Amino acid sequence: MSGSVQSFTLVTVPGGTRMLGHLRAFKTSPLETMAGWWREHGDALRFRLGPKVIHLLSHPDLAEVVLIHQADRFVKVYDPRRPSGLSLVLGNGLVTSSGEIWKRHRRIIQPIFHRSRMAAMADRMVEVGEQRLADWATHAGQPVDIAAEMMQLALEVISQTMFTTSMAHHIDRISQSLRVSLRYAFDSFHNPLRLPLWVPTAHNREFRAAMHFLDGLIYELLAERRRSGARHNDLLDLLLQARDEETGTGLSDQELRDEALTIFAAGHETTANALAWTWYLLATHPEAKARFHEEVDRVLQGRPPNAGDLAHLPYTRAVFDEALRLYPPAVAIQRKTTIPVAIGDIALPAGAIVLVSVYNLHRHPDCWPEAERFLPERWLGGERPEVRYAYLPFGAGPRACVGTQFATVEGPLLLALIGRRYDLHLAQERVEPELMVTLRPKGGIRMTLHPRHDVPAGSPG
């Protein structure tokens, strides 16, 4: 495709008020509100949150122009001089930075996620998972919050694989601090009435306390590695050893903090939510769950999985891909125009804020037969979807997620590891999605853990 797009009409969403625009409806239920607007008014919309005008784009052609063909004109929104959104938490790291800073940091971090490193990381993932499953024996037959369990598991995986250290003793505090800080970051995006951070409101104090803890954790991690001089060939080593090709200088302490916290937060939050939604979908689709268990049993024969098994677990991977389609952890990709831009018939001024709606793309009826149904089979063999840029769980173009390979190994591997040992049953009637930077299950997902007795006796783990 050359970058040309079919004709789209930019529709202003009706019903906004003079002062607040569409803020009230958006704040009440942002995900459902944006999906409802799309279904009613089409693929190119404009709405207002107070003084901020947002352009919502929900078609693969539009996504391709923004993320690929004119990516240099659609840049990250974050301004390090006036941080808002995720930059309040992650600083000027890989997710939030732009320009030469982003290019330099991308060169430094990309090698750690190279495909050649995945087998060693997969072994560590399984080891961490086996340790976590050992604790599940005390919960067998009892309801647990599987979303919280997946968050703790993914947090320990990222700690062990990226930083060669355990965070198990800090897990509750880390989870609480990340929850507080990410909610504050999301609120800052859509709330034009938010008071500056220095004003001692309850929310501001809570956010500052959360960030004080997370900063202390990361800086201590960096200081301990420097003190010990130990080499682990992990991300932390890479960050500490990295040097700019032109100046020979390394990353400053602030840059080290920003990148370490970015990997730490983004590296587990997204996968944890994807896994939680996957277990929910399997629990509510018994035929798919039975096929998943059959494949895992047939391939693994009672042993833990490894990276080489993934090629022989196509249905397990299809289950994970389909869960990412219906419940993508990142529901939208935010950009800002650097100059006036035309996308077909749509004219955008310089500084226009654009949301490419991943959630809407993933459910677009023009791209997906039976778009609202959970159908892992659509990913198998020749049936794999062919519509480009209709499936963007990890973004696309030069700013695509650097950890895509890591996540696509971790997700199916942990599914197989857990599915080999347990059958998970839903223990609540209703599960609602909640948008808080990532797409979480509101209030968690209560499930009961049923040991699978058909696992061969005496098998490892």
Protein backbone atom coordinates (compact mmCIF):
# COMPACT_ATOMS: atom_id res chain seq x y z
CA MET A 1 0.00 0.00 0.00
CA SER A 2 1.41 3.42 -0.94
CA GLY A 3 -0.15 5.37 1.91
CA SER A 4 -3.31 6.35 0.05
CA VAL A 5 -6.54 5.61 1.88
CA GLN A 6 -10.14 5.19 0.98
CA SER A 7 -12.43 8.16 1.57
CA PHE A 8 -13.27 8.80 5.23
CA THR A 9 -15.44 11.53 6.69
CA LEU A 10 -14.35 12.96 10.03
CA VAL A 11 -17.47 13.02 12.21
CA THR A 12 -17.77 15.19 15.32
CA VAL A 13 -19.39 13.11 18.05
CA PRO A 14 -22.68 14.80 19.01
CA GLY A 15 -23.80 15.52 22.55
CA GLY A 16 -20.83 17.40 23.98
CA THR A 17 -21.28 20.36 26.33
CA ARG A 18 -19.68 23.76 25.81
CA MET A 19 -17.35 23.58 28.83
CA LEU A 20 -16.50 19.90 29.22
CA GLY A 21 -17.22 18.50 25.76
CA HIS A 22 -17.65 14.72 26.05
CA LEU A 23 -15.69 14.39 29.28
CA ARG A 24 -18.54 13.09 31.44
CA ALA A 25 -19.37 10.12 29.21
CA PHE A 26 -15.70 9.35 28.58
CA LYS A 27 -14.73 9.45 32.25
CA THR A 28 -17.63 7.19 33.26
CA SER A 29 -16.70 4.40 30.85
CA PRO A 30 -13.93 5.29 28.37
CA LEU A 31 -13.65 1.93 26.61
CA GLU A 32 -17.36 1.31 26.09
CA THR A 33 -17.92 4.96 25.21
CA MET A 34 -15.30 5.01 22.44
CA ALA A 35 -16.50 1.64 21.09
CA GLY A 36 -20.09 2.87 21.10
CA TRP A 37 -19.19 6.07 19.28
CA TRP A 38 -17.30 4.06 16.65
CA ARG A 39 -20.19 1.67 16.04
CA GLU A 40 -22.65 4.55 15.72
CA HIS A 41 -20.62 7.17 13.87
CA GLY A 42 -17.86 5.39 11.93
CA ASP A 43 -14.11 4.95 11.64
CA ALA A 44 -12.98 8.60 11.91
CA LEU A 45 -14.33 10.62 14.85
CA ARG A 46 -13.57 13.79 16.74
CA PHE A 47 -14.53 14.40 20.37
CA ARG A 48 -13.51 16.79 23.12
CA LEU A 49 -12.31 16.34 26.70
CA GLY A 50 -12.54 19.84 28.14
CA PRO A 51 -10.23 21.96 25.95
CA LYS A 52 -8.50 18.90 24.43
CA VAL A 53 -9.72 17.68 21.01
CA ILE A 54 -9.14 13.96 20.32
CA HIS A 55 -9.29 12.28 16.91
CA LEU A 56 -10.34 8.60 17.14
CA LEU A 57 -9.31 6.46 14.15
CA SER A 58 -10.60 2.87 13.89
CA HIS A 59 -9.74 1.52 10.44
CA PRO A 60 -6.63 -0.41 9.26
CA ASP A 61 -6.00 2.04 6.41
CA LEU A 62 -5.90 4.94 8.85
CA ALA A 63 -3.69 3.01 11.28
CA GLU A 64 -1.24 2.24 8.46
CA VAL A 65 -0.84 5.89 7.53
CA VAL A 66 -0.35 7.05 11.13
CA LEU A 67 1.99 4.27 12.26
CA ILE A 68 3.86 3.43 9.04
CA HIS A 69 3.69 5.78 6.07
CA GLN A 70 3.66 9.09 7.95
CA ALA A 71 5.14 7.90 11.25
CA ASP A 72 7.58 10.84 11.27
CA ARG A 73 4.62 13.25 11.34
CA PHE A 74 2.74 11.41 14.10
CA VAL A 75 4.95 11.39 17.19
CA LYS A 76 4.63 10.53 20.86
CA VAL A 77 2.52 13.02 22.79
CA TYR A 78 4.76 13.19 25.84
CA ASP A 79 6.67 16.37 26.62
CA PRO A 80 9.42 15.84 29.24
CA ARG A 81 9.20 19.53 30.18
CA ARG A 82 5.50 19.18 31.03
CA PRO A 83 4.99 15.48 31.76
CA SER A 84 1.53 13.97 31.69
CA GLY A 85 0.13 10.50 31.21
CA LEU A 86 2.68 7.68 31.33
CA SER A 87 5.65 10.05 31.39
CA LEU A 88 4.64 10.97 34.95
CA VAL A 89 5.56 7.39 35.88
CA LEU A 90 8.11 6.25 33.31
CA GLY A 91 9.92 9.53 32.72
CA ASN A 92 11.63 9.80 29.34
CA GLY A 93 12.14 6.08 28.71
CA LEU A 94 11.69 4.01 25.58
CA VAL A 95 7.87 4.06 25.70
CA THR A 96 7.55 7.82 26.15
CA SER A 97 10.64 9.42 24.55
CA SER A 98 11.00 10.55 20.95
CA GLY A 99 13.57 11.83 18.47
CA GLU A 100 17.26 11.18 19.02
CA ILE A 101 16.78 10.13 22.66
CA TRP A 102 14.41 7.37 21.59
CA LYS A 103 16.69 6.21 18.76
CA ARG A 104 19.68 5.99 21.10
CA HIS A 105 17.78 4.09 23.77
CA ARG A 106 16.20 1.74 21.22
CA ARG A 107 19.68 0.79 19.93
CA ILE A 108 20.75 0.02 23.49
CA ILE A 109 17.73 -2.06 24.52
CA GLN A 110 16.86 -3.92 21.30
CA PRO A 111 19.63 -6.56 21.63
CA ILE A 112 18.34 -7.92 24.95
CA PHE A 113 15.12 -9.03 23.26
CA HIS A 114 16.77 -10.68 20.26
CA ARG A 115 15.28 -14.02 19.23
CA SER A 116 18.57 -15.78 19.98
CA ARG A 117 18.19 -15.03 23.69
CA MET A 118 14.66 -16.37 23.98
CA ALA A 119 15.51 -20.03 24.73
CA ALA A 120 17.53 -19.11 27.83
CA MET A 121 14.85 -16.67 28.95
CA ALA A 122 12.15 -19.31 28.36
CA ASP A 123 13.92 -21.70 30.72
CA ARG A 124 13.96 -19.00 33.39
CA MET A 125 10.27 -18.24 32.79
CA VAL A 126 9.37 -21.89 33.35
CA GLU A 127 11.53 -22.09 36.47
CA VAL A 128 9.79 -19.05 37.96
CA GLY A 129 6.40 -20.43 36.94
CA GLU A 130 7.08 -23.79 38.60
CA GLN A 131 8.03 -22.00 41.82
CA ARG A 132 4.80 -20.02 41.72
CA LEU A 133 2.68 -23.11 41.00
CA ALA A 134 4.15 -24.81 44.07
CA ASP A 135 2.30 -22.21 46.16
CA TRP A 136 -0.99 -22.94 44.37
CA ALA A 137 -1.33 -26.35 46.02
CA THR A 138 -2.63 -24.67 49.19
CA HIS A 139 -5.38 -22.94 47.15
CA ALA A 140 -6.64 -25.99 45.24
CA GLY A 141 -10.42 -25.95 44.97
CA GLN A 142 -10.63 -22.48 46.51
CA PRO A 143 -11.41 -19.20 44.71
CA VAL A 144 -8.42 -17.02 43.91
CA ASP A 145 -8.08 -13.79 41.95
CA ILE A 146 -6.41 -15.09 38.81
CA ALA A 147 -5.71 -11.54 37.62
CA ALA A 148 -3.67 -10.87 40.78
CA GLU A 149 -1.96 -14.25 40.44
CA MET A 150 -0.95 -13.51 36.85
CA MET A 151 0.30 -10.05 37.88
CA GLN A 152 2.52 -11.59 40.57
CA LEU A 153 3.77 -14.33 38.23
CA ALA A 154 4.60 -11.90 35.40
CA LEU A 155 6.27 -9.52 37.87
CA GLU A 156 8.55 -12.27 39.11
CA VAL A 157 9.29 -13.39 35.53
CA ILE A 158 10.40 -9.91 34.47
CA SER A 159 12.44 -9.49 37.66
CA GLN A 160 14.29 -12.77 37.18
CA THR A 161 14.78 -12.62 33.40
CA MET A 162 15.64 -8.93 33.03
CA PHE A 163 17.32 -8.14 36.36
CA THR A 164 18.37 -11.58 37.70
CA THR A 165 16.83 -10.87 41.07
CA SER A 166 13.66 -11.81 42.91
CA MET A 167 11.03 -9.25 43.84
CA ALA A 168 8.80 -11.77 45.62
CA HIS A 169 9.16 -10.06 49.00
CA HIS A 170 8.09 -6.71 47.48
CA ILE A 171 5.27 -8.00 45.28
CA ASP A 172 2.30 -6.58 47.20
CA ARG A 173 3.89 -3.15 47.57
CA ILE A 174 5.02 -3.08 43.93
CA SER A 175 1.56 -4.06 42.66
CA GLN A 176 -0.13 -1.41 44.81
CA SER A 177 2.35 1.30 43.75
CA LEU A 178 1.99 0.48 40.07
CA ARG A 179 -1.80 0.41 40.35
CA VAL A 180 -1.84 3.84 42.03
CA SER A 181 0.67 5.41 39.64
CA LEU A 182 -0.90 4.05 36.45
CA ARG A 183 -4.38 5.15 37.49
CA TYR A 184 -3.01 8.63 38.22
CA ALA A 185 -1.29 8.66 34.80
CA PHE A 186 -4.51 7.68 33.02
CA ASP A 187 -6.55 10.28 34.91
CA SER A 188 -4.05 12.96 33.90
CA PHE A 189 -4.77 12.24 30.22
CA HIS A 190 -8.47 13.02 30.30
CA ASN A 191 -8.93 15.32 33.31
CA PRO A 192 -8.43 18.99 32.35
CA LEU A 193 -9.22 20.05 35.93
CA ARG A 194 -6.37 18.09 37.54
CA LEU A 195 -4.40 20.15 40.06
CA PRO A 196 -0.59 20.36 39.71
CA LEU A 197 1.38 17.63 41.43
CA TRP A 198 2.79 19.99 44.05
CA VAL A 199 -0.69 20.68 45.46
CA PRO A 200 -1.03 18.34 48.50
CA THR A 201 -4.31 16.67 47.57
CA ALA A 202 -4.98 13.10 48.71
CA HIS A 203 -4.48 11.78 45.17
CA ASN A 204 -1.26 13.72 44.67
CA ARG A 205 0.15 12.52 48.01
CA GLU A 206 -0.76 8.92 47.20
CA PHE A 207 0.89 9.18 43.78
CA ARG A 208 4.05 10.77 45.18
CA ALA A 209 4.33 8.03 47.82
CA ALA A 210 3.94 5.33 45.16
CA MET A 211 6.61 6.91 42.96
CA HIS A 212 8.95 7.38 45.94
CA PHE A 213 8.77 3.64 46.58
CA LEU A 214 9.24 2.64 42.91
CA ASP A 215 12.13 5.08 42.44
CA GLY A 216 13.82 3.76 45.58
CA LEU A 217 13.43 0.19 44.38
CA ILE A 218 14.99 0.88 40.96
CA TYR A 219 17.83 3.05 42.27
CA GLU A 220 18.69 0.40 44.87
CA LEU A 221 18.73 -2.23 42.12
CA LEU A 222 21.18 -0.11 40.14
CA ALA A 223 23.35 0.69 43.18
CA GLU A 224 23.55 -2.96 44.30
CA ARG A 225 24.67 -4.11 40.83
CA ARG A 226 27.37 -1.42 40.80
CA ARG A 227 28.50 -2.35 44.32
CA SER A 228 28.72 -6.07 43.65
CA GLY A 229 30.31 -5.80 40.23
CA ALA A 230 28.55 -9.07 39.37
CA ARG A 231 27.87 -9.80 35.69
CA HIS A 232 24.66 -11.55 34.67
CA ASN A 233 24.42 -10.62 30.96
CA ASP A 234 20.91 -9.29 31.60
CA LEU A 235 19.16 -6.01 30.82
CA LEU A 236 20.66 -4.31 33.86
CA ASP A 237 24.17 -5.17 32.71
CA LEU A 238 23.34 -3.90 29.22
CA LEU A 239 22.02 -0.60 30.56
CA LEU A 240 25.01 -0.04 32.82
CA GLN A 241 27.53 -0.89 30.10
CA ALA A 242 25.81 0.99 27.26
CA ARG A 243 27.76 3.79 25.61
CA ASP A 244 26.68 6.31 23.02
CA GLU A 245 28.33 5.55 19.69
CA GLU A 246 29.21 9.20 19.05
CA THR A 247 30.19 10.59 22.47
CA GLY A 248 31.25 7.46 24.35
CA THR A 249 29.11 8.50 27.32
CA GLY A 250 26.81 6.13 29.15
CA LEU A 251 23.26 6.59 30.37
CA SER A 252 22.77 9.02 33.23
CA ASP A 253 21.26 7.79 36.50
CA GLN A 254 17.95 9.37 35.48
CA GLU A 255 18.03 7.61 32.09
CA LEU A 256 18.92 4.32 33.77
CA ARG A 257 15.99 4.76 36.14
CA ASP A 258 13.57 5.60 33.32
CA GLU A 259 14.54 2.59 31.19
CA ALA A 260 14.69 0.11 34.07
CA LEU A 261 11.28 1.19 35.36
CA THR A 262 9.85 1.14 31.82
CA ILE A 263 10.93 -2.47 31.29
CA PHE A 264 9.88 -3.40 34.81
CA ALA A 265 6.39 -1.89 34.56
CA ALA A 266 5.55 -2.44 30.88
CA GLY A 267 7.25 -5.83 30.81
CA HIS A 268 4.82 -7.46 33.20
CA GLU A 269 1.64 -5.35 33.24
CA THR A 270 0.64 -6.13 29.66
CA THR A 271 1.39 -9.87 29.73
CA ALA A 272 -0.31 -10.31 33.11
CA ASN A 273 -3.53 -8.75 31.86
CA ALA A 274 -3.39 -10.74 28.62
CA LEU A 275 -3.03 -13.99 30.59
CA ALA A 276 -5.88 -13.10 32.96
CA TRP A 277 -8.23 -12.44 30.04
CA THR A 278 -7.07 -15.67 28.36
CA TRP A 279 -8.05 -17.75 31.41
CA TYR A 280 -11.41 -15.97 31.51
CA LEU A 281 -12.09 -16.74 27.84
CA LEU A 282 -11.08 -20.39 28.22
CA ALA A 283 -13.27 -20.76 31.31
CA THR A 284 -16.28 -19.40 29.40
CA HIS A 285 -15.63 -21.51 26.27
CA PRO A 286 -15.40 -25.16 27.41
CA GLU A 287 -14.82 -26.61 23.92
CA ALA A 288 -11.81 -24.36 23.38
CA LYS A 289 -10.51 -25.19 26.85
CA ALA A 290 -10.82 -28.94 26.21
CA ARG A 291 -8.88 -28.60 22.93
CA PHE A 292 -6.22 -26.50 24.70
CA HIS A 293 -5.76 -29.12 27.45
CA GLU A 294 -5.63 -31.94 24.88
CA GLU A 295 -2.85 -30.24 22.94
CA VAL A 296 -0.82 -29.44 26.06
CA ASP A 297 -1.12 -33.04 27.33
CA ARG A 298 -0.24 -34.55 23.95
CA VAL A 299 2.82 -32.36 23.37
CA LEU A 300 4.26 -32.15 26.89
CA GLN A 301 3.53 -35.71 28.06
CA GLY A 302 3.55 -34.55 31.68
CA ARG A 303 6.81 -32.52 31.64
CA PRO A 304 7.26 -28.74 31.87
CA PRO A 305 7.37 -26.88 28.53
CA ASN A 306 10.40 -25.30 26.92
CA ALA A 307 10.96 -22.86 24.05
CA GLY A 308 11.21 -25.70 21.53
CA ASP A 309 7.70 -26.88 22.41
CA LEU A 310 6.06 -23.66 21.24
CA ALA A 311 6.25 -24.68 17.58
CA HIS A 312 4.23 -27.78 18.49
CA LEU A 313 1.58 -25.86 20.46
CA PRO A 314 -0.22 -23.95 17.66
CA TYR A 315 -3.63 -24.01 19.35
CA THR A 316 -2.16 -22.70 22.61
CA ARG A 317 -0.59 -19.82 20.66
CA ALA A 318 -3.89 -19.29 18.80
CA VAL A 319 -5.74 -19.05 22.13
CA PHE A 320 -3.29 -16.36 23.29
CA ASP A 321 -3.50 -14.45 19.97
CA GLU A 322 -7.29 -14.49 20.08
CA ALA A 323 -7.35 -13.27 23.68
CA LEU A 324 -5.04 -10.41 22.64
CA ARG A 325 -7.50 -9.60 19.86
CA LEU A 326 -10.57 -9.38 22.08
CA TYR A 327 -8.85 -7.83 25.09
CA PRO A 328 -5.68 -6.04 23.90
CA PRO A 329 -3.71 -4.75 26.91
CA ALA A 330 -3.10 -1.44 25.10
CA VAL A 331 -6.49 -0.43 23.69
CA ALA A 332 -5.25 2.61 21.78
CA ILE A 333 -2.04 4.10 20.38
CA GLN A 334 -1.69 7.81 21.02
CA ARG A 335 0.13 10.21 18.70
CA LYS A 336 0.40 13.94 18.03
CA THR A 337 0.93 15.61 14.64
CA THR A 338 4.11 17.67 14.20
CA ILE A 339 2.76 19.59 11.19
CA PRO A 340 -0.62 19.88 9.41
CA VAL A 341 -1.35 16.44 7.94
CA ALA A 342 -3.89 15.08 5.46
CA ILE A 343 -5.03 11.46 5.66
CA GLY A 344 -7.11 11.11 2.54
CA ASP A 345 -9.98 13.56 3.02
CA ILE A 346 -9.20 14.10 6.72
CA ALA A 347 -7.25 17.29 7.46
CA LEU A 348 -5.51 17.44 10.84
CA PRO A 349 -3.83 20.59 12.19
CA ALA A 350 -0.36 20.61 13.73
CA GLY A 351 -0.52 19.43 17.34
CA ALA A 352 -3.64 17.31 16.76
CA ILE A 353 -4.01 14.41 19.21
CA VAL A 354 -4.80 11.09 17.52
CA LEU A 355 -5.90 7.80 19.05
CA VAL A 356 -5.59 4.73 16.85
CA SER A 357 -8.14 2.45 18.48
CA VAL A 358 -6.60 -1.01 18.71
CA TYR A 359 -9.73 -2.26 20.50
CA ASN A 360 -12.00 -1.15 17.65
CA LEU A 361 -9.63 -2.46 14.94
CA HIS A 362 -9.60 -5.86 16.62
CA ARG A 363 -13.41 -6.02 16.48
CA HIS A 364 -13.94 -4.39 13.08
CA PRO A 365 -16.60 -6.39 11.17
CA ASP A 366 -14.93 -5.61 7.83
CA CYS A 367 -11.77 -7.37 9.01
CA TRP A 368 -12.95 -10.18 11.26
CA PRO A 369 -15.72 -12.71 10.56
CA GLU A 370 -17.83 -13.07 13.72
CA ALA A 371 -15.72 -10.32 15.22
CA GLU A 372 -17.19 -10.48 18.74
CA ARG A 373 -16.71 -14.26 19.13
CA PHE A 374 -13.75 -16.03 20.74
CA LEU A 375 -12.53 -18.24 17.89
CA PRO A 376 -8.91 -19.39 18.29
CA GLU A 377 -9.37 -21.44 15.12
CA ARG A 378 -9.17 -18.26 13.05
CA TRP A 379 -5.39 -18.21 13.73
CA LEU A 380 -4.65 -21.75 12.55
CA GLY A 381 -3.15 -22.75 9.21
CA GLY A 382 -4.42 -20.95 6.14
CA GLU A 383 -7.21 -19.30 8.11
CA ARG A 384 -4.83 -16.82 9.78
CA PRO A 385 -6.21 -13.28 9.20
CA GLU A 386 -4.67 -11.46 6.24
CA VAL A 387 -5.90 -7.90 6.86
CA ARG A 388 -2.81 -5.80 7.52
CA TYR A 389 -2.91 -3.44 10.47
CA ALA A 390 -6.20 -4.87 11.74
CA TYR A 391 -4.29 -6.67 14.52
CA LEU A 392 -1.97 -4.45 16.56
CA PRO A 393 -1.55 -5.83 20.11
CA PHE A 394 2.10 -4.72 20.03
CA GLY A 395 1.71 -1.68 17.78
CA ALA A 396 3.35 -1.38 14.36
CA GLY A 397 6.05 0.51 12.53
CA PRO A 398 9.24 1.96 14.03
CA ARG A 399 7.60 2.37 17.46
CA ALA A 400 6.33 -1.21 17.71
CA CYS A 401 6.86 -2.80 21.12
CA VAL A 402 10.49 -3.81 21.63
CA GLY A 403 9.38 -6.71 23.82
CA THR A 404 7.05 -8.39 21.30
CA GLN A 405 9.21 -11.50 20.98
CA PHE A 406 9.49 -11.77 24.77
CA ALA A 407 5.71 -11.53 25.26
CA THR A 408 4.85 -14.00 22.50
CA VAL A 409 7.13 -16.57 24.13
CA GLU A 410 6.10 -15.84 27.72
CA GLY A 411 2.32 -15.89 27.15
CA PRO A 412 1.88 -19.32 25.48
CA LEU A 413 4.67 -20.84 27.59
CA LEU A 414 2.99 -19.90 30.88
CA LEU A 415 -0.41 -20.98 29.54
CA ALA A 416 1.00 -24.42 28.75
CA LEU A 417 2.81 -24.62 32.09
CA ILE A 418 -0.33 -23.84 34.09
CA GLY A 419 -2.76 -25.70 31.82
CA ARG A 420 -0.73 -28.87 32.23
CA ARG A 421 -1.37 -28.83 35.98
CA TYR A 422 -4.67 -27.01 36.52
CA ASP A 423 -8.17 -26.60 35.16
CA LEU A 424 -9.46 -23.09 35.97
CA HIS A 425 -13.18 -22.52 36.58
CA LEU A 426 -14.89 -19.14 36.76
CA ALA A 427 -16.20 -18.43 40.27
CA GLN A 428 -18.16 -15.23 39.60
CA GLU A 429 -21.03 -14.34 37.28
CA ARG A 430 -19.80 -11.17 35.66
CA VAL A 431 -16.38 -9.84 34.63
CA GLU A 432 -16.09 -6.26 33.40
CA PRO A 433 -13.16 -4.63 31.60
CA GLU A 434 -11.65 -1.51 33.13
CA LEU A 435 -9.34 0.83 31.24
CA MET A 436 -6.44 2.05 33.37
CA VAL A 437 -3.66 2.66 30.82
CA THR A 438 -3.93 -1.11 30.19
CA LEU A 439 -7.15 -3.11 29.92
CA ARG A 440 -7.69 -4.84 33.26
CA PRO A 441 -10.55 -6.96 34.57
CA LYS A 442 -12.36 -4.67 37.02
CA GLY A 443 -11.99 -6.02 40.53
CA GLY A 444 -10.05 -9.05 39.27
CA ILE A 445 -11.36 -12.46 38.18
CA ARG A 446 -12.31 -15.00 40.82
CA MET A 447 -11.52 -18.54 39.67
CA THR A 448 -11.13 -21.92 41.35
CA LEU A 449 -8.01 -24.00 40.73
CA HIS A 450 -8.78 -27.65 40.04
CA PRO A 451 -5.75 -29.96 39.89
CA ARG A 452 -5.80 -32.05 36.73
CA HIS A 453 -5.58 -35.69 37.77
CA ASP A 454 -4.75 -36.87 34.27
CA VAL A 455 -1.26 -35.39 34.60
CA PRO A 456 1.08 -38.40 34.91
CA ALA A 457 2.04 -39.16 38.51
CA GLY A 458 5.55 -38.21 39.44
CA SER A 459 5.88 -35.67 36.61
CA PRO A 460 8.20 -32.72 37.29
CA GLY A 461 6.76 -29.81 39.23
